Amino acid sequence: MDCSYIIDWLMMQDWEALTGISSVVIALCVLVFTVWAGWRTHVHNKLSVKPHLTTWTSKWPAQQKYSIQLVNNGLGPALIKRFVVRLDNNVIKGKGTEPLDSVIRALFTGDNYKFETGLLGTGYSMPANEEKTIVAIQFSEPNTITPEEFEEKLSRCELDIQYTSFYNDKFTFISS
């Protein structure tokens, strides 16, 4: 094999042009990788602050005590934009805890119970892992209501909560 042919070919090359082209190709690869890594970081950051609201019902039938909690079991805070209470698909209007108070009085007649209600108003920032009691009810007489009857009455109610993440991603929680 004659190496002189290869040496002659290498001598004829314009190394400055090849170096420039190589530099441009490497720079474009770095730019594409940087944009991709930045986008992936943005997606990760959005997921790392995503809230997730849900309700939890606690029942102590022996004590005739029941409660409903709203829980943010997501990774980031939930910024409450709207908190609506419905009974039989009708929006219950009022200020503060009035809608929840009205629903409890409509569902449970008589005066053999005490209750407390809580409200998350517009603008409230519910941190991750926070739990707020929405309704706690205690009946004074034994065997007033069974857990099944309590659940049946609750099925007539609905919470409609619109909230956002810190990245302004919009979410809606509707209890059922």
C-alpha atoms as a PDB file:
ATOM      1  CA  MET A   1       0.000   0.000   0.000  1.00  0.00           C
ATOM      2  CA  ASP A   2       1.334   3.364  -1.006  1.00  0.00           C
ATOM      3  CA  CYS A   3       1.088   5.881   1.850  1.00  0.00           C
ATOM      4  CA  SER A   4       2.169   8.755  -0.327  1.00  0.00           C
ATOM      5  CA  TYR A   5      -1.364   9.029  -1.765  1.00  0.00           C
ATOM      6  CA  ILE A   6      -2.844   9.547   1.715  1.00  0.00           C
ATOM      7  CA  ILE A   7      -0.151  12.029   2.675  1.00  0.00           C
ATOM      8  CA  ASP A   8      -0.724  13.998  -0.548  1.00  0.00           C
ATOM      9  CA  TRP A   9      -4.496  14.118   0.146  1.00  0.00           C
ATOM     10  CA  LEU A  10      -3.933  15.355   3.702  1.00  0.00           C
ATOM     11  CA  MET A  11      -1.565  18.070   2.480  1.00  0.00           C
ATOM     12  CA  MET A  12      -4.182  19.407   0.055  1.00  0.00           C
ATOM     13  CA  GLN A  13      -6.905  19.864   2.701  1.00  0.00           C
ATOM     14  CA  ASP A  14      -7.899  23.313   4.006  1.00  0.00           C
ATOM     15  CA  TRP A  15      -7.613  22.628   7.745  1.00  0.00           C
ATOM     16  CA  GLU A  16      -8.938  26.030   8.758  1.00  0.00           C
ATOM     17  CA  ALA A  17     -12.230  25.379   6.968  1.00  0.00           C
ATOM     18  CA  LEU A  18     -12.538  21.892   8.470  1.00  0.00           C
ATOM     19  CA  THR A  19     -11.818  23.281  11.949  1.00  0.00           C
ATOM     20  CA  GLY A  20     -14.453  26.006  11.487  1.00  0.00           C
ATOM     21  CA  ILE A  21     -17.093  23.567  10.260  1.00  0.00           C
ATOM     22  CA  SER A  22     -16.329  21.196  13.137  1.00  0.00           C
ATOM     23  CA  SER A  23     -16.650  24.060  15.629  1.00  0.00           C
ATOM     24  CA  VAL A  24     -20.043  25.063  14.224  1.00  0.00           C
ATOM     25  CA  VAL A  25     -21.335  21.460  14.365  1.00  0.00           C
ATOM     26  CA  ILE A  26     -20.155  21.068  17.974  1.00  0.00           C
ATOM     27  CA  ALA A  27     -21.700  24.425  18.967  1.00  0.00           C
ATOM     28  CA  LEU A  28     -25.055  23.444  17.398  1.00  0.00           C
ATOM     29  CA  CYS A  29     -25.007  20.122  19.268  1.00  0.00           C
ATOM     30  CA  VAL A  30     -24.330  21.934  22.554  1.00  0.00           C
ATOM     31  CA  LEU A  31     -27.125  24.436  21.837  1.00  0.00           C
ATOM     32  CA  VAL A  32     -29.653  21.677  21.067  1.00  0.00           C
ATOM     33  CA  PHE A  33     -28.661  19.757  24.210  1.00  0.00           C
ATOM     34  CA  THR A  34     -28.892  22.918  26.365  1.00  0.00           C
ATOM     35  CA  VAL A  35     -32.381  23.760  25.080  1.00  0.00           C
ATOM     36  CA  TRP A  36     -33.519  20.152  25.627  1.00  0.00           C
ATOM     37  CA  ALA A  37     -32.070  20.051  29.173  1.00  0.00           C
ATOM     38  CA  GLY A  38     -33.718  23.404  30.004  1.00  0.00           C
ATOM     39  CA  TRP A  39     -37.095  22.165  28.782  1.00  0.00           C
ATOM     40  CA  ARG A  40     -36.786  18.930  30.795  1.00  0.00           C
ATOM     41  CA  THR A  41     -35.856  20.953  33.901  1.00  0.00           C
ATOM     42  CA  HIS A  42     -38.926  23.149  33.386  1.00  0.00           C
ATOM     43  CA  VAL A  43     -41.179  20.069  33.092  1.00  0.00           C
ATOM     44  CA  HIS A  44     -39.622  18.605  36.241  1.00  0.00           C
ATOM     45  CA  ASN A  45     -40.086  21.865  38.156  1.00  0.00           C
ATOM     46  CA  LYS A  46     -43.766  22.028  37.175  1.00  0.00           C
ATOM     47  CA  LEU A  47     -44.290  18.478  38.405  1.00  0.00           C
ATOM     48  CA  SER A  48     -42.438  19.159  41.640  1.00  0.00           C
ATOM     49  CA  VAL A  49     -44.971  21.847  42.640  1.00  0.00           C
ATOM     50  CA  LYS A  50     -48.150  20.185  41.338  1.00  0.00           C
ATOM     51  CA  PRO A  51     -50.956  20.226  43.947  1.00  0.00           C
ATOM     52  CA  HIS A  52     -53.631  17.572  44.226  1.00  0.00           C
ATOM     53  CA  LEU A  53     -56.762  18.102  46.310  1.00  0.00           C
ATOM     54  CA  THR A  54     -58.939  15.277  47.581  1.00  0.00           C
ATOM     55  CA  THR A  55     -61.417  14.699  50.387  1.00  0.00           C
ATOM     56  CA  TRP A  56     -61.280  12.230  53.220  1.00  0.00           C
ATOM     57  CA  THR A  57     -64.265  11.181  55.316  1.00  0.00           C
ATOM     58  CA  SER A  58     -63.721  10.046  58.906  1.00  0.00           C
ATOM     59  CA  LYS A  59     -66.424   8.127  60.767  1.00  0.00           C
ATOM     60  CA  TRP A  60     -66.706   7.172  64.414  1.00  0.00           C
ATOM     61  CA  PRO A  61     -70.176   5.548  64.535  1.00  0.00           C
ATOM     62  CA  ALA A  62     -69.880   4.501  68.180  1.00  0.00           C
ATOM     63  CA  GLN A  63     -69.431   8.164  69.151  1.00  0.00           C
ATOM     64  CA  GLN A  64     -71.849   9.359  66.417  1.00  0.00           C
ATOM     65  CA  LYS A  65     -69.107  11.638  65.073  1.00  0.00           C
ATOM     66  CA  TYR A  66     -68.346  12.263  61.395  1.00  0.00           C
ATOM     67  CA  SER A  67     -66.012  14.631  59.572  1.00  0.00           C
ATOM     68  CA  ILE A  68     -64.886  15.538  56.079  1.00  0.00           C
ATOM     69  CA  GLN A  69     -61.371  16.798  55.446  1.00  0.00           C
ATOM     70  CA  LEU A  70     -59.904  18.441  52.376  1.00  0.00           C
ATOM     71  CA  VAL A  71     -56.353  17.222  51.833  1.00  0.00           C
ATOM     72  CA  ASN A  72     -53.625  18.495  49.517  1.00  0.00           C
ATOM     73  CA  ASN A  73     -51.655  15.324  48.911  1.00  0.00           C
ATOM     74  CA  GLY A  74     -49.765  16.823  45.977  1.00  0.00           C
ATOM     75  CA  LEU A  75     -46.189  18.060  45.974  1.00  0.00           C
ATOM     76  CA  GLY A  76     -46.879  21.796  45.909  1.00  0.00           C
ATOM     77  CA  PRO A  77     -49.315  24.377  47.252  1.00  0.00           C
ATOM     78  CA  ALA A  78     -52.833  24.737  45.843  1.00  0.00           C
ATOM     79  CA  LEU A  79     -53.852  28.341  45.227  1.00  0.00           C
ATOM     80  CA  ILE A  80     -57.637  28.397  45.707  1.00  0.00           C
ATOM     81  CA  LYS A  81     -59.427  30.388  42.999  1.00  0.00           C
ATOM     82  CA  ARG A  82     -63.036  29.281  43.631  1.00  0.00           C
ATOM     83  CA  PHE A  83     -64.828  27.314  46.366  1.00  0.00           C
ATOM     84  CA  VAL A  84     -68.439  26.388  45.530  1.00  0.00           C
ATOM     85  CA  VAL A  85     -70.864  24.208  47.526  1.00  0.00           C
ATOM     86  CA  ARG A  86     -73.778  22.470  45.806  1.00  0.00           C
ATOM     87  CA  LEU A  87     -76.760  20.623  47.241  1.00  0.00           C
ATOM     88  CA  ASP A  88     -78.838  18.553  44.807  1.00  0.00           C
ATOM     89  CA  ASN A  89     -76.954  20.246  41.925  1.00  0.00           C
ATOM     90  CA  ASN A  90     -77.950  23.740  43.130  1.00  0.00           C
ATOM     91  CA  VAL A  91     -75.243  26.233  44.060  1.00  0.00           C
ATOM     92  CA  ILE A  92     -75.628  27.343  47.673  1.00  0.00           C
ATOM     93  CA  LYS A  93     -74.805  31.020  47.990  1.00  0.00           C
ATOM     94  CA  GLY A  94     -73.590  32.927  51.010  1.00  0.00           C
ATOM     95  CA  LYS A  95     -70.561  34.472  52.622  1.00  0.00           C
ATOM     96  CA  GLY A  96     -67.897  32.645  54.565  1.00  0.00           C
ATOM     97  CA  THR A  97     -69.150  29.342  55.944  1.00  0.00           C
ATOM     98  CA  GLU A  98     -72.843  30.141  55.306  1.00  0.00           C
ATOM     99  CA  PRO A  99     -73.121  27.745  52.312  1.00  0.00           C
ATOM    100  CA  LEU A 100     -71.730  24.818  54.313  1.00  0.00           C
ATOM    101  CA  ASP A 101     -73.879  25.701  57.340  1.00  0.00           C
ATOM    102  CA  SER A 102     -76.991  25.801  55.106  1.00  0.00           C
ATOM    103  CA  VAL A 103     -76.183  22.407  53.594  1.00  0.00           C
ATOM    104  CA  ILE A 104     -75.724  20.781  57.027  1.00  0.00           C
ATOM    105  CA  ARG A 105     -79.038  22.220  58.262  1.00  0.00           C
ATOM    106  CA  ALA A 106     -80.798  21.021  55.091  1.00  0.00           C
ATOM    107  CA  LEU A 107     -79.372  17.493  55.345  1.00  0.00           C
ATOM    108  CA  PHE A 108     -79.806  16.962  59.075  1.00  0.00           C
ATOM    109  CA  THR A 109     -83.028  18.135  60.647  1.00  0.00           C
ATOM    110  CA  GLY A 110     -83.656  18.574  64.348  1.00  0.00           C
ATOM    111  CA  ASP A 111     -81.388  19.871  67.048  1.00  0.00           C
ATOM    112  CA  ASN A 112     -79.701  16.680  68.202  1.00  0.00           C
ATOM    113  CA  TYR A 113     -76.318  17.563  66.749  1.00  0.00           C
ATOM    114  CA  LYS A 114     -73.534  20.137  66.837  1.00  0.00           C
ATOM    115  CA  PHE A 115     -71.325  20.920  63.894  1.00  0.00           C
ATOM    116  CA  GLU A 116     -68.328  22.954  62.833  1.00  0.00           C
ATOM    117  CA  THR A 117     -67.542  24.061  59.307  1.00  0.00           C
ATOM    118  CA  GLY A 118     -64.408  25.355  57.680  1.00  0.00           C
ATOM    119  CA  LEU A 119     -63.872  27.227  54.483  1.00  0.00           C
ATOM    120  CA  LEU A 120     -60.982  27.820  52.123  1.00  0.00           C
ATOM    121  CA  GLY A 121     -61.593  31.207  50.629  1.00  0.00           C
ATOM    122  CA  THR A 122     -60.455  32.551  47.306  1.00  0.00           C
ATOM    123  CA  GLY A 123     -56.764  33.380  47.442  1.00  0.00           C
ATOM    124  CA  TYR A 124     -55.911  30.827  50.127  1.00  0.00           C
ATOM    125  CA  SER A 125     -52.677  28.940  49.505  1.00  0.00           C
ATOM    126  CA  MET A 126     -53.050  25.381  50.809  1.00  0.00           C
ATOM    127  CA  PRO A 127     -49.573  23.933  51.363  1.00  0.00           C
ATOM    128  CA  ALA A 128     -48.661  20.407  50.361  1.00  0.00           C
ATOM    129  CA  ASN A 129     -49.642  17.789  52.957  1.00  0.00           C
ATOM    130  CA  GLU A 130     -52.078  20.159  54.669  1.00  0.00           C
ATOM    131  CA  GLU A 131     -55.429  18.853  55.855  1.00  0.00           C
ATOM    132  CA  LYS A 132     -58.385  21.139  56.610  1.00  0.00           C
ATOM    133  CA  THR A 133     -61.624  20.023  58.216  1.00  0.00           C
ATOM    134  CA  ILE A 134     -64.513  21.147  56.025  1.00  0.00           C
ATOM    135  CA  VAL A 135     -67.297  19.706  58.194  1.00  0.00           C
ATOM    136  CA  ALA A 136     -67.305  17.994  61.593  1.00  0.00           C
ATOM    137  CA  ILE A 137     -70.622  16.866  63.034  1.00  0.00           C
ATOM    138  CA  GLN A 138     -71.389  15.241  66.375  1.00  0.00           C
ATOM    139  CA  PHE A 139     -74.814  13.758  67.126  1.00  0.00           C
ATOM    140  CA  SER A 140     -75.907  13.847  70.763  1.00  0.00           C
ATOM    141  CA  GLU A 141     -78.108  10.751  70.758  1.00  0.00           C
ATOM    142  CA  PRO A 142     -76.847   7.204  70.162  1.00  0.00           C
ATOM    143  CA  ASN A 143     -77.805   5.444  66.936  1.00  0.00           C
ATOM    144  CA  THR A 144     -79.025   8.666  65.334  1.00  0.00           C
ATOM    145  CA  ILE A 145     -77.414   7.904  61.997  1.00  0.00           C
ATOM    146  CA  THR A 146     -75.467   5.009  60.532  1.00  0.00           C
ATOM    147  CA  PRO A 147     -72.334   5.497  58.423  1.00  0.00           C
ATOM    148  CA  GLU A 148     -74.317   4.364  55.376  1.00  0.00           C
ATOM    149  CA  GLU A 149     -77.033   6.965  56.017  1.00  0.00           C
ATOM    150  CA  PHE A 150     -74.363   9.611  56.490  1.00  0.00           C
ATOM    151  CA  GLU A 151     -72.761   8.675  53.143  1.00  0.00           C
ATOM    152  CA  GLU A 152     -76.173   8.710  51.455  1.00  0.00           C
ATOM    153  CA  LYS A 153     -76.834  12.251  52.683  1.00  0.00           C
ATOM    154  CA  LEU A 154     -73.351  13.334  51.597  1.00  0.00           C
ATOM    155  CA  SER A 155     -74.003  12.019  48.097  1.00  0.00           C
ATOM    156  CA  ARG A 156     -76.420  14.941  47.654  1.00  0.00           C
ATOM    157  CA  CYS A 157     -73.576  17.433  48.243  1.00  0.00           C
ATOM    158  CA  GLU A 158     -70.748  18.502  46.035  1.00  0.00           C
ATOM    159  CA  LEU A 159     -67.652  20.631  46.511  1.00  0.00           C
ATOM    160  CA  ASP A 160     -66.369  22.374  43.386  1.00  0.00           C
ATOM    161  CA  ILE A 161     -62.913  23.822  43.944  1.00  0.00           C
ATOM    162  CA  GLN A 162     -60.858  25.481  41.247  1.00  0.00           C
ATOM    163  CA  TYR A 163     -57.190  25.923  42.083  1.00  0.00           C
ATOM    164  CA  THR A 164     -53.832  26.535  40.433  1.00  0.00           C
ATOM    165  CA  SER A 165     -50.216  25.647  40.991  1.00  0.00           C
ATOM    166  CA  PHE A 166     -47.474  28.257  41.324  1.00  0.00           C
ATOM    167  CA  TYR A 167     -46.893  27.770  37.578  1.00  0.00           C
ATOM    168  CA  ASN A 168     -50.543  28.828  37.066  1.00  0.00           C
ATOM    169  CA  ASP A 169     -51.578  25.379  35.835  1.00  0.00           C
ATOM    170  CA  LYS A 170     -55.336  25.136  36.411  1.00  0.00           C
ATOM    171  CA  PHE A 171     -57.027  22.242  38.204  1.00  0.00           C
ATOM    172  CA  THR A 172     -60.581  21.497  39.298  1.00  0.00           C
ATOM    173  CA  PHE A 173     -61.631  19.249  42.158  1.00  0.00           C
ATOM    174  CA  ILE A 174     -65.248  18.114  42.197  1.00  0.00           C
ATOM    175  CA  SER A 175     -66.215  15.819  45.050  1.00  0.00           C
ATOM    176  CA  SER A 176     -68.630  13.034  44.329  1.00  0.00           C
END
